[in-house]
Amino acid sequence: MVPFCGIMAGMTSAVPPLPASSSTAVPACERCLALAADPRRREPPSCLALRNTTPQPGQSASGVPYSMLTFCCRDCGTVWRLYDRANELFVSWVPEHPLVR
């Protein structure tokens, strides 16, 4: 069973998402494992769906501004955060929770 990702903003579901510590966690798919192995690539895998269309601005502890988008894998339900800093060549893909293999 794939957890609900809330792909469309404002969309609700009668089925709540699985908690991160659930013993029924779904293992990450091959594309998510590949993204974890190369987290600086710009193009998201085709299995990722954008959760919201507005980048969320933020600032690192050292004061560097960034923007963040959230994606959810259609295949395994892994939630990814995409961090992008102005004038940087690379981005950072970070899973919301540790990946289950």
Protein backbone atom coordinates (compact mmCIF):
# COMPACT_ATOMS: atom_id res chain seq x y z
CA MET A 1 0.00 0.00 0.00
CA VAL A 2 1.38 3.42 -0.97
CA PRO A 3 0.80 6.21 1.59
CA PHE A 4 -1.25 9.23 0.54
CA CYS A 5 1.01 12.02 -0.72
CA GLY A 6 -1.39 14.96 -0.95
CA ILE A 7 -0.25 15.72 -4.49
CA MET A 8 -2.73 18.52 -5.14
CA ALA A 9 -2.62 21.52 -2.81
CA GLY A 10 -5.67 21.64 -0.58
CA MET A 11 -6.59 18.05 -1.45
CA THR A 12 -7.74 15.89 1.47
CA SER A 13 -8.10 12.18 1.91
CA ALA A 14 -10.03 9.95 4.28
CA VAL A 15 -6.86 7.85 4.59
CA PRO A 16 -4.19 9.52 6.74
CA PRO A 17 -0.52 9.18 5.76
CA LEU A 18 1.47 6.45 7.47
CA PRO A 19 3.65 7.63 10.34
CA ALA A 20 7.41 7.60 9.66
CA SER A 21 8.02 5.09 12.44
CA SER A 22 5.38 2.67 11.18
CA SER A 23 6.48 -0.94 10.92
CA THR A 24 4.57 -1.10 7.61
CA ALA A 25 6.80 1.51 5.93
CA VAL A 26 7.09 0.99 2.19
CA PRO A 27 10.65 0.45 0.90
CA ALA A 28 12.00 3.19 -1.37
CA CYS A 29 11.75 2.42 -5.09
CA GLU A 30 14.83 2.15 -7.31
CA ARG A 31 14.40 5.71 -8.62
CA CYS A 32 14.30 7.15 -5.08
CA LEU A 33 17.38 5.13 -4.13
CA ALA A 34 19.14 6.48 -7.24
CA LEU A 35 18.15 10.04 -6.29
CA ALA A 36 19.54 9.50 -2.79
CA ALA A 37 22.81 8.34 -4.38
CA ASP A 38 22.99 11.51 -6.54
CA PRO A 39 21.12 14.24 -4.57
CA ARG A 40 22.63 17.17 -6.52
CA ARG A 41 20.92 16.53 -9.88
CA ARG A 42 18.42 19.15 -11.04
CA GLU A 43 15.85 17.03 -12.87
CA PRO A 44 13.44 15.12 -10.62
CA PRO A 45 12.75 11.49 -11.54
CA SER A 46 9.51 11.00 -13.46
CA CYS A 47 7.98 9.22 -10.45
CA LEU A 48 8.00 12.40 -8.33
CA ALA A 49 4.91 14.60 -8.16
CA LEU A 50 5.07 18.19 -6.96
CA ARG A 51 3.11 18.65 -3.71
CA ASN A 52 2.78 22.43 -3.85
CA THR A 53 3.59 24.91 -6.58
CA THR A 54 4.87 27.76 -4.43
CA PRO A 55 8.50 27.53 -3.30
CA GLN A 56 8.88 28.04 0.44
CA PRO A 57 11.66 30.53 1.22
CA GLY A 58 14.02 29.92 4.10
CA GLN A 59 17.45 30.70 5.44
CA SER A 60 20.21 28.35 6.59
CA ALA A 61 21.84 28.63 10.00
CA SER A 62 24.71 30.49 8.33
CA GLY A 63 22.32 33.04 6.80
CA VAL A 64 22.23 31.72 3.22
CA PRO A 65 18.75 32.12 1.67
CA TYR A 66 17.17 29.17 -0.15
CA SER A 67 13.86 28.02 -1.58
CA MET A 68 12.27 24.63 -0.99
CA LEU A 69 9.76 22.57 -2.96
CA THR A 70 8.20 19.32 -1.75
CA PHE A 71 7.66 16.25 -3.95
CA CYS A 72 6.13 12.84 -3.34
CA CYS A 73 6.99 9.61 -5.15
CA ARG A 74 4.01 8.08 -6.94
CA ASP A 75 5.60 4.62 -6.71
CA CYS A 76 6.71 4.29 -3.07
CA GLY A 77 5.37 7.37 -1.27
CA THR A 78 8.78 8.79 -0.30
CA VAL A 79 8.54 12.53 0.34
CA TRP A 80 11.43 14.65 -0.94
CA ARG A 81 12.41 18.24 -0.24
CA LEU A 82 14.22 20.08 -3.02
CA TYR A 83 16.48 22.87 -1.75
CA ASP A 84 17.79 25.46 -4.19
CA ARG A 85 20.05 28.42 -3.43
CA ALA A 86 20.39 31.49 -5.65
CA ASN A 87 23.46 31.48 -7.91
CA GLU A 88 24.22 27.82 -7.15
CA LEU A 89 24.78 25.28 -9.90
CA PHE A 90 23.52 22.32 -7.87
CA VAL A 91 20.43 21.65 -5.77
CA SER A 92 19.94 19.31 -2.81
CA TRP A 93 17.31 16.55 -2.69
CA VAL A 94 16.64 15.48 0.91
CA PRO A 95 14.17 12.74 1.89
CA GLU A 96 11.70 13.83 4.58
CA HIS A 97 12.46 10.62 6.53
CA PRO A 98 15.33 8.12 6.26
CA LEU A 99 14.83 5.80 3.30
CA VAL A 100 13.70 2.23 3.92
CA ARG A 101 15.56 -0.23 1.76
